[in-house]
Amino acid sequence: MGQRAGSRAWQITLSLLVASLLLWLFFRQAPLAEVGQVLREVRWQPLIAATACALASYAARAWRWGLILSSTGSAPYATLFGCTAAGFATSALLPARLGELVRPLLLSSRTRLPAAATLASIVAERLLDLVTLVGLFAVALLARWQGQQHLVPSLLWTLLAVMVLAVGVAVLVRARQRLLTFLEAKLVHPWGRRLLRFLTELLQGLSFWGNPRHALALGFGSLITWGLAIGQVAMTAWAFAGHLSPRQATLVLALSVVGLAVPTPGGVGGFHAATQIALMQVASWPAAAATAFALIHHAICFVPITVVGFGYMLLVGFSWELVKREKP
């Protein structure tokens, strides 16, 4: 227990140090006085629309989550949205993406869906996000790639990796029964049985790869989810009296999401820096405006859903012990 607590303390400390370093580099790009002046001139009306787009995107994500889980069971939409909000709220304040565990385990405790199934659904969701976002990025970049030629090689390698991943998943789904039968004979220890249960639920959750109708519904849900996020970026730009075309907003969103790969609370630092760089490179925004935009964009992405998430957690009587009991 002591070693685990010590390891967690080191993870939190390292996460906060990385966030602090990235924020320092982020704020070095423009004088704070200029950033403050830009923020004072922001129009609040478009920010209301941007916030509505952000919350609608989370709502669409919750609906799509229900589609992913449909092969295992069903859950009320209000519960799906509440657990989605709770997961993002937790991730906004705690490091190491703890919300990715809170969201499925809280859903399991509220609906009695198997914990292995809800955990596996998050993996399936991330694969869907990856395929959708890379696809949108490719379309936006190739629509007019002059000036962004340096991004094309990275895009091609990413597309190749996603295609290999998609083919691999399709093969696993088609051969899942034989694979699981083979693993059942090999994984005889208790931890092996837990792993087998998780893999069974994961492959069941990915079964839409071989079901065109289900895959089409999930693809539609993914486009709605990310389309609303693109709208949020465009509305936020409007608040700065600037303009981002749908293509530019898509590129800015895709590049800003890369910053979330850095495991800091709420993507602090990494998300800011990635958004700042994206605006300066894609739309040629001045450093002060890009810095101010990144601050507002991050707040819209995380503050409203965090308020909703913690409100839901208070409403249902959330506790860490309850979540721990749901671990498969």
C-alpha atoms as a PDB file:
ATOM      1  CA  MET A   1       0.000   0.000   0.000  1.00  0.00           C
ATOM      2  CA  GLY A   2       2.839   2.390   0.912  1.00  0.00           C
ATOM      3  CA  GLN A   3       4.697   1.721  -2.334  1.00  0.00           C
ATOM      4  CA  ARG A   4       1.531   2.297  -4.364  1.00  0.00           C
ATOM      5  CA  ALA A   5       0.856   5.601  -2.561  1.00  0.00           C
ATOM      6  CA  GLY A   6       4.465   6.671  -3.105  1.00  0.00           C
ATOM      7  CA  SER A   7       4.281   5.828  -6.801  1.00  0.00           C
ATOM      8  CA  ARG A   8       1.045   7.782  -7.150  1.00  0.00           C
ATOM      9  CA  ALA A   9       2.600  10.775  -5.383  1.00  0.00           C
ATOM     10  CA  TRP A  10       5.517  10.714  -7.818  1.00  0.00           C
ATOM     11  CA  GLN A  11       3.129  10.530 -10.778  1.00  0.00           C
ATOM     12  CA  ILE A  12       1.193  13.539  -9.516  1.00  0.00           C
ATOM     13  CA  THR A  13       4.381  15.498  -8.839  1.00  0.00           C
ATOM     14  CA  LEU A  14       5.829  14.712 -12.259  1.00  0.00           C
ATOM     15  CA  SER A  15       2.533  15.589 -13.938  1.00  0.00           C
ATOM     16  CA  LEU A  16       2.412  18.969 -12.206  1.00  0.00           C
ATOM     17  CA  LEU A  17       6.054  19.682 -13.066  1.00  0.00           C
ATOM     18  CA  VAL A  18       5.440  18.906 -16.752  1.00  0.00           C
ATOM     19  CA  ALA A  19       2.329  21.119 -16.737  1.00  0.00           C
ATOM     20  CA  SER A  20       4.288  23.960 -15.131  1.00  0.00           C
ATOM     21  CA  LEU A  21       7.104  23.675 -17.679  1.00  0.00           C
ATOM     22  CA  LEU A  22       4.721  23.652 -20.636  1.00  0.00           C
ATOM     23  CA  LEU A  23       2.780  26.629 -19.254  1.00  0.00           C
ATOM     24  CA  TRP A  24       6.036  28.548 -18.791  1.00  0.00           C
ATOM     25  CA  LEU A  25       6.987  27.878 -22.414  1.00  0.00           C
ATOM     26  CA  PHE A  26       3.442  28.769 -23.492  1.00  0.00           C
ATOM     27  CA  PHE A  27       3.429  32.169 -21.768  1.00  0.00           C
ATOM     28  CA  ARG A  28       6.903  32.996 -23.070  1.00  0.00           C
ATOM     29  CA  GLN A  29       5.554  33.308 -26.629  1.00  0.00           C
ATOM     30  CA  ALA A  30       3.848  36.682 -26.070  1.00  0.00           C
ATOM     31  CA  PRO A  31       4.021  39.603 -23.593  1.00  0.00           C
ATOM     32  CA  LEU A  32       1.379  39.175 -20.897  1.00  0.00           C
ATOM     33  CA  ALA A  33       0.269  42.804 -21.311  1.00  0.00           C
ATOM     34  CA  GLU A  34      -0.619  42.129 -24.959  1.00  0.00           C
ATOM     35  CA  VAL A  35      -2.433  38.904 -24.040  1.00  0.00           C
ATOM     36  CA  GLY A  36      -4.431  40.781 -21.406  1.00  0.00           C
ATOM     37  CA  GLN A  37      -5.385  43.459 -23.929  1.00  0.00           C
ATOM     38  CA  VAL A  38      -6.647  40.806 -26.356  1.00  0.00           C
ATOM     39  CA  LEU A  39      -8.680  39.154 -23.599  1.00  0.00           C
ATOM     40  CA  ARG A  40     -10.297  42.467 -22.659  1.00  0.00           C
ATOM     41  CA  GLU A  41     -11.544  42.872 -26.230  1.00  0.00           C
ATOM     42  CA  VAL A  42     -13.158  39.416 -26.475  1.00  0.00           C
ATOM     43  CA  ARG A  43     -16.886  39.452 -27.262  1.00  0.00           C
ATOM     44  CA  TRP A  44     -18.898  37.312 -24.869  1.00  0.00           C
ATOM     45  CA  GLN A  45     -21.873  36.496 -27.144  1.00  0.00           C
ATOM     46  CA  PRO A  46     -19.963  34.050 -29.406  1.00  0.00           C
ATOM     47  CA  LEU A  47     -18.501  32.432 -26.292  1.00  0.00           C
ATOM     48  CA  ILE A  48     -22.025  31.422 -25.239  1.00  0.00           C
ATOM     49  CA  ALA A  49     -22.454  29.674 -28.595  1.00  0.00           C
ATOM     50  CA  ALA A  50     -19.020  28.053 -28.220  1.00  0.00           C
ATOM     51  CA  THR A  51     -19.931  26.764 -24.749  1.00  0.00           C
ATOM     52  CA  ALA A  52     -23.206  25.366 -26.111  1.00  0.00           C
ATOM     53  CA  CYS A  53     -21.265  23.566 -28.870  1.00  0.00           C
ATOM     54  CA  ALA A  54     -18.863  22.122 -26.304  1.00  0.00           C
ATOM     55  CA  LEU A  55     -21.646  20.761 -24.082  1.00  0.00           C
ATOM     56  CA  ALA A  56     -23.535  19.443 -27.120  1.00  0.00           C
ATOM     57  CA  SER A  57     -20.369  17.624 -28.207  1.00  0.00           C
ATOM     58  CA  TYR A  58     -20.166  15.896 -24.815  1.00  0.00           C
ATOM     59  CA  ALA A  59     -23.870  15.038 -25.106  1.00  0.00           C
ATOM     60  CA  ALA A  60     -23.270  13.468 -28.528  1.00  0.00           C
ATOM     61  CA  ARG A  61     -20.320  11.550 -27.089  1.00  0.00           C
ATOM     62  CA  ALA A  62     -22.580  10.098 -24.391  1.00  0.00           C
ATOM     63  CA  TRP A  63     -25.117   9.001 -27.025  1.00  0.00           C
ATOM     64  CA  ARG A  64     -22.369   7.359 -29.075  1.00  0.00           C
ATOM     65  CA  TRP A  65     -21.120   5.609 -25.921  1.00  0.00           C
ATOM     66  CA  GLY A  66     -24.531   4.033 -25.559  1.00  0.00           C
ATOM     67  CA  LEU A  67     -24.259   2.736 -29.131  1.00  0.00           C
ATOM     68  CA  ILE A  68     -20.871   1.196 -28.367  1.00  0.00           C
ATOM     69  CA  LEU A  69     -22.318  -0.550 -25.313  1.00  0.00           C
ATOM     70  CA  SER A  70     -25.459  -1.745 -27.102  1.00  0.00           C
ATOM     71  CA  SER A  71     -23.959  -5.164 -27.818  1.00  0.00           C
ATOM     72  CA  THR A  72     -23.562  -5.683 -24.053  1.00  0.00           C
ATOM     73  CA  GLY A  73     -26.600  -3.950 -22.593  1.00  0.00           C
ATOM     74  CA  SER A  74     -28.382  -0.636 -22.314  1.00  0.00           C
ATOM     75  CA  ALA A  75     -28.234   2.339 -19.971  1.00  0.00           C
ATOM     76  CA  PRO A  76     -30.463   5.416 -19.564  1.00  0.00           C
ATOM     77  CA  TYR A  77     -29.159   8.365 -21.560  1.00  0.00           C
ATOM     78  CA  ALA A  78     -29.144  10.626 -18.483  1.00  0.00           C
ATOM     79  CA  THR A  79     -26.830   8.153 -16.747  1.00  0.00           C
ATOM     80  CA  LEU A  80     -24.550   7.923 -19.774  1.00  0.00           C
ATOM     81  CA  PHE A  81     -24.263  11.713 -19.951  1.00  0.00           C
ATOM     82  CA  GLY A  82     -23.780  12.069 -16.199  1.00  0.00           C
ATOM     83  CA  CYS A  83     -21.000   9.482 -16.134  1.00  0.00           C
ATOM     84  CA  THR A  84     -19.383  11.067 -19.193  1.00  0.00           C
ATOM     85  CA  ALA A  85     -19.392  14.451 -17.443  1.00  0.00           C
ATOM     86  CA  ALA A  86     -18.055  12.895 -14.227  1.00  0.00           C
ATOM     87  CA  GLY A  87     -15.200  11.246 -16.117  1.00  0.00           C
ATOM     88  CA  PHE A  88     -14.120  14.458 -17.827  1.00  0.00           C
ATOM     89  CA  ALA A  89     -14.514  16.396 -14.571  1.00  0.00           C
ATOM     90  CA  THR A  90     -12.175  13.968 -12.818  1.00  0.00           C
ATOM     91  CA  SER A  91      -9.646  14.107 -15.647  1.00  0.00           C
ATOM     92  CA  ALA A  92      -9.746  17.909 -15.520  1.00  0.00           C
ATOM     93  CA  LEU A  93      -8.431  17.957 -11.944  1.00  0.00           C
ATOM     94  CA  LEU A  94      -6.435  14.753 -11.551  1.00  0.00           C
ATOM     95  CA  PRO A  95      -3.420  13.500 -13.522  1.00  0.00           C
ATOM     96  CA  ALA A  96      -2.861  10.232 -15.363  1.00  0.00           C
ATOM     97  CA  ARG A  97      -6.291  10.281 -17.058  1.00  0.00           C
ATOM     98  CA  LEU A  98      -8.052   8.927 -13.965  1.00  0.00           C
ATOM     99  CA  GLY A  99     -11.345   9.993 -15.485  1.00  0.00           C
ATOM    100  CA  GLU A 100     -10.933   7.213 -18.042  1.00  0.00           C
ATOM    101  CA  LEU A 101     -11.428   4.805 -15.147  1.00  0.00           C
ATOM    102  CA  VAL A 102     -14.029   6.793 -13.220  1.00  0.00           C
ATOM    103  CA  ARG A 103     -16.404   7.103 -16.183  1.00  0.00           C
ATOM    104  CA  PRO A 104     -16.850   3.375 -16.992  1.00  0.00           C
ATOM    105  CA  LEU A 105     -16.695   2.177 -13.395  1.00  0.00           C
ATOM    106  CA  LEU A 106     -19.247   4.742 -12.253  1.00  0.00           C
ATOM    107  CA  LEU A 107     -21.533   3.644 -15.099  1.00  0.00           C
ATOM    108  CA  SER A 108     -21.089   0.034 -14.029  1.00  0.00           C
ATOM    109  CA  SER A 109     -22.066   0.886 -10.461  1.00  0.00           C
ATOM    110  CA  ARG A 110     -25.126   2.834 -11.607  1.00  0.00           C
ATOM    111  CA  THR A 111     -26.437   0.310 -14.163  1.00  0.00           C
ATOM    112  CA  ARG A 112     -24.905  -3.047 -13.176  1.00  0.00           C
ATOM    113  CA  LEU A 113     -23.366  -3.395 -16.614  1.00  0.00           C
ATOM    114  CA  PRO A 114     -20.213  -5.552 -16.324  1.00  0.00           C
ATOM    115  CA  ALA A 115     -17.177  -3.446 -15.403  1.00  0.00           C
ATOM    116  CA  ALA A 116     -15.088  -5.284 -17.997  1.00  0.00           C
ATOM    117  CA  ALA A 117     -17.589  -4.225 -20.659  1.00  0.00           C
ATOM    118  CA  THR A 118     -17.692  -0.568 -19.662  1.00  0.00           C
ATOM    119  CA  LEU A 119     -13.883  -0.389 -19.448  1.00  0.00           C
ATOM    120  CA  ALA A 120     -13.551  -2.063 -22.833  1.00  0.00           C
ATOM    121  CA  SER A 121     -16.019   0.439 -24.296  1.00  0.00           C
ATOM    122  CA  ILE A 122     -13.602   3.285 -23.510  1.00  0.00           C
ATOM    123  CA  VAL A 123     -10.892   1.553 -25.545  1.00  0.00           C
ATOM    124  CA  ALA A 124     -13.365   1.156 -28.419  1.00  0.00           C
ATOM    125  CA  GLU A 125     -14.345   4.822 -28.089  1.00  0.00           C
ATOM    126  CA  ARG A 126     -10.730   5.964 -28.271  1.00  0.00           C
ATOM    127  CA  LEU A 127     -10.198   3.903 -31.424  1.00  0.00           C
ATOM    128  CA  LEU A 128     -13.253   5.563 -32.975  1.00  0.00           C
ATOM    129  CA  ASP A 129     -11.968   8.997 -31.982  1.00  0.00           C
ATOM    130  CA  LEU A 130      -8.583   8.249 -33.503  1.00  0.00           C
ATOM    131  CA  VAL A 131     -10.024   7.078 -36.823  1.00  0.00           C
ATOM    132  CA  THR A 132     -12.475  10.005 -37.017  1.00  0.00           C
ATOM    133  CA  LEU A 133     -10.003  12.706 -36.073  1.00  0.00           C
ATOM    134  CA  VAL A 134      -7.268  11.445 -38.394  1.00  0.00           C
ATOM    135  CA  GLY A 135      -9.803  11.220 -41.211  1.00  0.00           C
ATOM    136  CA  LEU A 136     -11.045  14.785 -40.650  1.00  0.00           C
ATOM    137  CA  PHE A 137      -7.472  16.047 -40.377  1.00  0.00           C
ATOM    138  CA  ALA A 138      -6.556  14.342 -43.647  1.00  0.00           C
ATOM    139  CA  VAL A 139      -9.522  15.830 -45.506  1.00  0.00           C
ATOM    140  CA  ALA A 140      -8.823  19.315 -44.124  1.00  0.00           C
ATOM    141  CA  LEU A 141      -5.109  19.182 -44.868  1.00  0.00           C
ATOM    142  CA  LEU A 142      -5.350  17.723 -48.353  1.00  0.00           C
ATOM    143  CA  ALA A 143      -8.174  20.091 -49.344  1.00  0.00           C
ATOM    144  CA  ARG A 144      -5.575  22.843 -49.611  1.00  0.00           C
ATOM    145  CA  TRP A 145      -2.190  21.758 -48.445  1.00  0.00           C
ATOM    146  CA  GLN A 146      -0.155  24.693 -49.752  1.00  0.00           C
ATOM    147  CA  GLY A 147       1.710  26.188 -46.832  1.00  0.00           C
ATOM    148  CA  GLN A 148       1.367  23.032 -44.726  1.00  0.00           C
ATOM    149  CA  GLN A 149       3.527  20.718 -46.847  1.00  0.00           C
ATOM    150  CA  HIS A 150       5.658  19.931 -43.802  1.00  0.00           C
ATOM    151  CA  LEU A 151       2.634  18.207 -42.213  1.00  0.00           C
ATOM    152  CA  VAL A 152       1.974  15.875 -45.146  1.00  0.00           C
ATOM    153  CA  PRO A 153       4.657  13.221 -44.337  1.00  0.00           C
ATOM    154  CA  SER A 154       3.415  12.975 -40.745  1.00  0.00           C
ATOM    155  CA  LEU A 155      -0.142  12.692 -42.000  1.00  0.00           C
ATOM    156  CA  LEU A 156       0.732   9.902 -44.431  1.00  0.00           C
ATOM    157  CA  TRP A 157       2.499   7.905 -41.726  1.00  0.00           C
ATOM    158  CA  THR A 158      -0.442   8.448 -39.374  1.00  0.00           C
ATOM    159  CA  LEU A 159      -2.919   7.326 -42.038  1.00  0.00           C
ATOM    160  CA  LEU A 160      -0.838   4.215 -42.677  1.00  0.00           C
ATOM    161  CA  ALA A 161      -0.752   3.424 -38.953  1.00  0.00           C
ATOM    162  CA  VAL A 162      -4.515   3.917 -38.628  1.00  0.00           C
ATOM    163  CA  MET A 163      -5.167   1.693 -41.659  1.00  0.00           C
ATOM    164  CA  VAL A 164      -2.968  -1.059 -40.215  1.00  0.00           C
ATOM    165  CA  LEU A 165      -4.776  -0.695 -36.883  1.00  0.00           C
ATOM    166  CA  ALA A 166      -8.202  -0.862 -38.548  1.00  0.00           C
ATOM    167  CA  VAL A 167      -7.263  -3.976 -40.514  1.00  0.00           C
ATOM    168  CA  GLY A 168      -5.826  -5.572 -37.386  1.00  0.00           C
ATOM    169  CA  VAL A 169      -8.987  -4.880 -35.397  1.00  0.00           C
ATOM    170  CA  ALA A 170     -11.149  -6.267 -38.223  1.00  0.00           C
ATOM    171  CA  VAL A 171      -9.096  -9.482 -38.261  1.00  0.00           C
ATOM    172  CA  LEU A 172      -9.326  -9.834 -34.475  1.00  0.00           C
ATOM    173  CA  VAL A 173     -13.096  -9.291 -34.515  1.00  0.00           C
ATOM    174  CA  ARG A 174     -13.639 -11.876 -37.227  1.00  0.00           C
ATOM    175  CA  ALA A 175     -11.415 -14.418 -35.473  1.00  0.00           C
ATOM    176  CA  ARG A 176     -12.445 -13.519 -31.927  1.00  0.00           C
ATOM    177  CA  GLN A 177     -14.102 -16.828 -31.086  1.00  0.00           C
ATOM    178  CA  ARG A 178     -11.040 -18.872 -32.065  1.00  0.00           C
ATOM    179  CA  LEU A 179      -8.739 -16.404 -30.316  1.00  0.00           C
ATOM    180  CA  LEU A 180     -10.750 -16.458 -27.084  1.00  0.00           C
ATOM    181  CA  THR A 181     -10.981 -20.264 -27.122  1.00  0.00           C
ATOM    182  CA  PHE A 182      -7.199 -20.451 -27.488  1.00  0.00           C
ATOM    183  CA  LEU A 183      -6.610 -17.933 -24.675  1.00  0.00           C
ATOM    184  CA  GLU A 184      -9.101 -19.676 -22.393  1.00  0.00           C
ATOM    185  CA  ALA A 185      -6.899 -22.764 -22.429  1.00  0.00           C
ATOM    186  CA  LYS A 186      -3.759 -20.733 -21.723  1.00  0.00           C
ATOM    187  CA  LEU A 187      -4.901 -18.133 -19.166  1.00  0.00           C
ATOM    188  CA  VAL A 188      -5.658 -20.283 -16.145  1.00  0.00           C
ATOM    189  CA  HIS A 189      -4.498 -18.004 -13.300  1.00  0.00           C
ATOM    190  CA  PRO A 190      -6.943 -15.538 -11.670  1.00  0.00           C
ATOM    191  CA  TRP A 191      -5.272 -12.536 -13.318  1.00  0.00           C
ATOM    192  CA  GLY A 192      -5.446 -14.385 -16.623  1.00  0.00           C
ATOM    193  CA  ARG A 193      -9.174 -14.931 -16.182  1.00  0.00           C
ATOM    194  CA  ARG A 194      -9.675 -11.221 -15.530  1.00  0.00           C
ATOM    195  CA  LEU A 195      -7.676 -10.395 -18.640  1.00  0.00           C
ATOM    196  CA  LEU A 196      -9.694 -12.898 -20.665  1.00  0.00           C
ATOM    197  CA  ARG A 197     -12.956 -11.363 -19.440  1.00  0.00           C
ATOM    198  CA  PHE A 198     -11.740  -7.905 -20.420  1.00  0.00           C
ATOM    199  CA  LEU A 199     -10.623  -9.079 -23.873  1.00  0.00           C
ATOM    200  CA  THR A 200     -13.965 -10.824 -24.398  1.00  0.00           C
ATOM    201  CA  GLU A 201     -15.865  -7.618 -23.636  1.00  0.00           C
ATOM    202  CA  LEU A 202     -13.457  -5.520 -25.716  1.00  0.00           C
ATOM    203  CA  LEU A 203     -13.859  -7.692 -28.802  1.00  0.00           C
ATOM    204  CA  GLN A 204     -17.614  -7.749 -28.252  1.00  0.00           C
ATOM    205  CA  GLY A 205     -17.597  -3.962 -28.068  1.00  0.00           C
ATOM    206  CA  LEU A 206     -15.571  -3.792 -31.293  1.00  0.00           C
ATOM    207  CA  SER A 207     -17.923  -6.134 -33.109  1.00  0.00           C
ATOM    208  CA  PHE A 208     -19.386  -3.135 -34.957  1.00  0.00           C
ATOM    209  CA  TRP A 209     -16.272  -3.370 -37.177  1.00  0.00           C
ATOM    210  CA  GLY A 210     -17.995  -6.274 -38.896  1.00  0.00           C
ATOM    211  CA  ASN A 211     -21.534  -4.840 -38.754  1.00  0.00           C
ATOM    212  CA  PRO A 212     -22.034  -2.183 -41.459  1.00  0.00           C
ATOM    213  CA  ARG A 213     -25.252  -0.769 -39.978  1.00  0.00           C
ATOM    214  CA  HIS A 214     -23.793  -0.456 -36.476  1.00  0.00           C
ATOM    215  CA  ALA A 215     -20.549   0.969 -37.867  1.00  0.00           C
ATOM    216  CA  LEU A 216     -22.496   3.539 -39.898  1.00  0.00           C
ATOM    217  CA  ALA A 217     -24.424   4.685 -36.812  1.00  0.00           C
ATOM    218  CA  LEU A 218     -21.205   5.009 -34.819  1.00  0.00           C
ATOM    219  CA  GLY A 219     -19.534   6.845 -37.687  1.00  0.00           C
ATOM    220  CA  PHE A 220     -22.442   9.298 -37.770  1.00  0.00           C
ATOM    221  CA  GLY A 221     -22.175   9.751 -33.996  1.00  0.00           C
ATOM    222  CA  SER A 222     -18.450  10.402 -34.288  1.00  0.00           C
ATOM    223  CA  LEU A 223     -18.930  13.009 -37.015  1.00  0.00           C
ATOM    224  CA  ILE A 224     -21.565  14.788 -34.911  1.00  0.00           C
ATOM    225  CA  THR A 225     -19.326  14.682 -31.824  1.00  0.00           C
ATOM    226  CA  TRP A 226     -16.297  16.127 -33.571  1.00  0.00           C
ATOM    227  CA  GLY A 227     -18.313  18.404 -35.867  1.00  0.00           C
ATOM    228  CA  LEU A 228     -19.698  20.184 -32.805  1.00  0.00           C
ATOM    229  CA  ALA A 229     -16.146  20.488 -31.424  1.00  0.00           C
ATOM    230  CA  ILE A 230     -15.051  22.090 -34.717  1.00  0.00           C
ATOM    231  CA  GLY A 231     -18.003  24.485 -34.408  1.00  0.00           C
ATOM    232  CA  GLN A 232     -16.813  25.360 -30.909  1.00  0.00           C
ATOM    233  CA  VAL A 233     -13.386  26.325 -32.255  1.00  0.00           C
ATOM    234  CA  ALA A 234     -14.951  28.485 -34.994  1.00  0.00           C
ATOM    235  CA  MET A 235     -17.296  30.232 -32.515  1.00  0.00           C
ATOM    236  CA  THR A 236     -14.416  30.944 -30.149  1.00  0.00           C
ATOM    237  CA  ALA A 237     -12.443  32.501 -33.007  1.00  0.00           C
ATOM    238  CA  TRP A 238     -15.452  34.700 -33.785  1.00  0.00           C
ATOM    239  CA  ALA A 239     -15.336  36.004 -30.199  1.00  0.00           C
ATOM    240  CA  PHE A 240     -11.854  37.343 -30.999  1.00  0.00           C
ATOM    241  CA  ALA A 241     -13.204  39.133 -34.085  1.00  0.00           C
ATOM    242  CA  GLY A 242     -11.203  36.630 -36.077  1.00  0.00           C
ATOM    243  CA  HIS A 243     -12.247  34.074 -38.634  1.00  0.00           C
ATOM    244  CA  LEU A 244     -11.383  30.422 -39.028  1.00  0.00           C
ATOM    245  CA  SER A 245     -12.697  28.539 -42.028  1.00  0.00           C
ATOM    246  CA  PRO A 246     -14.093  25.041 -41.372  1.00  0.00           C
ATOM    247  CA  ARG A 247     -10.816  23.676 -42.748  1.00  0.00           C
ATOM    248  CA  GLN A 248      -8.700  25.836 -40.429  1.00  0.00           C
ATOM    249  CA  ALA A 249     -10.915  25.076 -37.418  1.00  0.00           C
ATOM    250  CA  THR A 250     -10.552  21.352 -38.112  1.00  0.00           C
ATOM    251  CA  LEU A 251      -6.758  21.594 -38.309  1.00  0.00           C
ATOM    252  CA  VAL A 252      -6.575  23.667 -35.116  1.00  0.00           C
ATOM    253  CA  LEU A 253      -8.801  21.200 -33.272  1.00  0.00           C
ATOM    254  CA  ALA A 254      -6.861  18.156 -34.483  1.00  0.00           C
ATOM    255  CA  LEU A 255      -3.509  19.654 -33.531  1.00  0.00           C
ATOM    256  CA  SER A 256      -4.778  20.876 -30.142  1.00  0.00           C
ATOM    257  CA  VAL A 257      -5.977  17.360 -29.286  1.00  0.00           C
ATOM    258  CA  VAL A 258      -2.378  16.185 -29.718  1.00  0.00           C
ATOM    259  CA  GLY A 259      -1.572  18.297 -26.662  1.00  0.00           C
ATOM    260  CA  LEU A 260      -3.922  16.135 -24.584  1.00  0.00           C
ATOM    261  CA  ALA A 261      -1.513  13.242 -25.050  1.00  0.00           C
ATOM    262  CA  VAL A 262       0.617  14.818 -22.320  1.00  0.00           C
ATOM    263  CA  PRO A 263      -0.840  13.326 -19.100  1.00  0.00           C
ATOM    264  CA  THR A 264      -1.352  16.521 -17.098  1.00  0.00           C
ATOM    265  CA  PRO A 265      -4.554  17.445 -15.215  1.00  0.00           C
ATOM    266  CA  GLY A 266      -7.048  18.667 -17.797  1.00  0.00           C
ATOM    267  CA  GLY A 267      -4.336  18.729 -20.449  1.00  0.00           C
ATOM    268  CA  VAL A 268      -2.964  21.906 -18.847  1.00  0.00           C
ATOM    269  CA  GLY A 269       0.159  23.087 -20.633  1.00  0.00           C
ATOM    270  CA  GLY A 270       0.177  20.604 -23.479  1.00  0.00           C
ATOM    271  CA  PHE A 271      -3.281  21.572 -24.746  1.00  0.00           C
ATOM    272  CA  HIS A 272      -2.473  25.285 -24.421  1.00  0.00           C
ATOM    273  CA  ALA A 273       0.830  25.025 -26.263  1.00  0.00           C
ATOM    274  CA  ALA A 274      -0.576  22.838 -29.050  1.00  0.00           C
ATOM    275  CA  THR A 275      -3.517  25.205 -29.623  1.00  0.00           C
ATOM    276  CA  GLN A 276      -1.222  28.229 -29.644  1.00  0.00           C
ATOM    277  CA  ILE A 277       1.162  26.671 -32.166  1.00  0.00           C
ATOM    278  CA  ALA A 278      -1.727  25.463 -34.348  1.00  0.00           C
ATOM    279  CA  LEU A 279      -3.240  28.949 -34.627  1.00  0.00           C
ATOM    280  CA  MET A 280       0.094  30.558 -35.391  1.00  0.00           C
ATOM    281  CA  GLN A 281       0.987  27.961 -38.019  1.00  0.00           C
ATOM    282  CA  VAL A 282      -2.397  27.254 -39.618  1.00  0.00           C
ATOM    283  CA  ALA A 283      -4.086  30.667 -39.462  1.00  0.00           C
ATOM    284  CA  SER A 284      -1.060  33.001 -38.983  1.00  0.00           C
ATOM    285  CA  TRP A 285      -2.540  34.510 -35.819  1.00  0.00           C
ATOM    286  CA  PRO A 286      -0.285  36.817 -33.775  1.00  0.00           C
ATOM    287  CA  ALA A 287       1.248  35.201 -30.717  1.00  0.00           C
ATOM    288  CA  ALA A 288      -0.774  37.304 -28.253  1.00  0.00           C
ATOM    289  CA  ALA A 289      -4.098  36.440 -29.921  1.00  0.00           C
ATOM    290  CA  ALA A 290      -3.170  32.739 -30.188  1.00  0.00           C
ATOM    291  CA  THR A 291      -2.211  32.692 -26.498  1.00  0.00           C
ATOM    292  CA  ALA A 292      -5.462  34.353 -25.430  1.00  0.00           C
ATOM    293  CA  PHE A 293      -7.481  32.013 -27.661  1.00  0.00           C
ATOM    294  CA  ALA A 294      -5.801  28.941 -26.140  1.00  0.00           C
ATOM    295  CA  LEU A 295      -6.701  30.109 -22.615  1.00  0.00           C
ATOM    296  CA  ILE A 296     -10.367  30.682 -23.515  1.00  0.00           C
ATOM    297  CA  HIS A 297     -10.598  27.521 -25.619  1.00  0.00           C
ATOM    298  CA  HIS A 298      -9.270  25.381 -22.776  1.00  0.00           C
ATOM    299  CA  ALA A 299     -11.698  26.957 -20.302  1.00  0.00           C
ATOM    300  CA  ILE A 300     -14.684  26.304 -22.591  1.00  0.00           C
ATOM    301  CA  CYS A 301     -13.588  22.704 -23.153  1.00  0.00           C
ATOM    302  CA  PHE A 302     -13.178  21.827 -19.487  1.00  0.00           C
ATOM    303  CA  VAL A 303     -14.885  24.234 -17.065  1.00  0.00           C
ATOM    304  CA  PRO A 304     -18.586  23.746 -17.991  1.00  0.00           C
ATOM    305  CA  ILE A 305     -18.354  19.941 -18.223  1.00  0.00           C
ATOM    306  CA  THR A 306     -16.415  19.863 -14.939  1.00  0.00           C
ATOM    307  CA  VAL A 307     -19.211  21.770 -13.198  1.00  0.00           C
ATOM    308  CA  VAL A 308     -21.810  19.399 -14.669  1.00  0.00           C
ATOM    309  CA  GLY A 309     -19.701  16.362 -13.798  1.00  0.00           C
ATOM    310  CA  PHE A 310     -19.140  17.225 -10.155  1.00  0.00           C
ATOM    311  CA  GLY A 311     -22.796  18.202  -9.848  1.00  0.00           C
ATOM    312  CA  TYR A 312     -23.759  14.736 -11.070  1.00  0.00           C
ATOM    313  CA  MET A 313     -21.285  13.088  -8.703  1.00  0.00           C
ATOM    314  CA  LEU A 314     -22.810  14.969  -5.755  1.00  0.00           C
ATOM    315  CA  LEU A 315     -26.304  14.068  -6.928  1.00  0.00           C
ATOM    316  CA  VAL A 316     -25.637  10.315  -7.085  1.00  0.00           C
ATOM    317  CA  GLY A 317     -23.446  10.170  -3.988  1.00  0.00           C
ATOM    318  CA  PHE A 318     -20.158   9.353  -5.696  1.00  0.00           C
ATOM    319  CA  SER A 319     -17.386   7.776  -3.620  1.00  0.00           C
ATOM    320  CA  TRP A 320     -14.000   6.298  -4.533  1.00  0.00           C
ATOM    321  CA  GLU A 321     -14.831   3.131  -2.592  1.00  0.00           C
ATOM    322  CA  LEU A 322     -17.876   2.600  -4.784  1.00  0.00           C
ATOM    323  CA  VAL A 323     -15.743   2.852  -7.916  1.00  0.00           C
ATOM    324  CA  LYS A 324     -13.018   0.573  -6.542  1.00  0.00           C
ATOM    325  CA  ARG A 325     -15.567  -2.163  -5.863  1.00  0.00           C
ATOM    326  CA  GLU A 326     -16.498  -2.222  -9.546  1.00  0.00           C
ATOM    327  CA  LYS A 327     -13.019  -3.112 -10.803  1.00  0.00           C
ATOM    328  CA  PRO A 328     -13.160  -6.351 -12.826  1.00  0.00           C
END
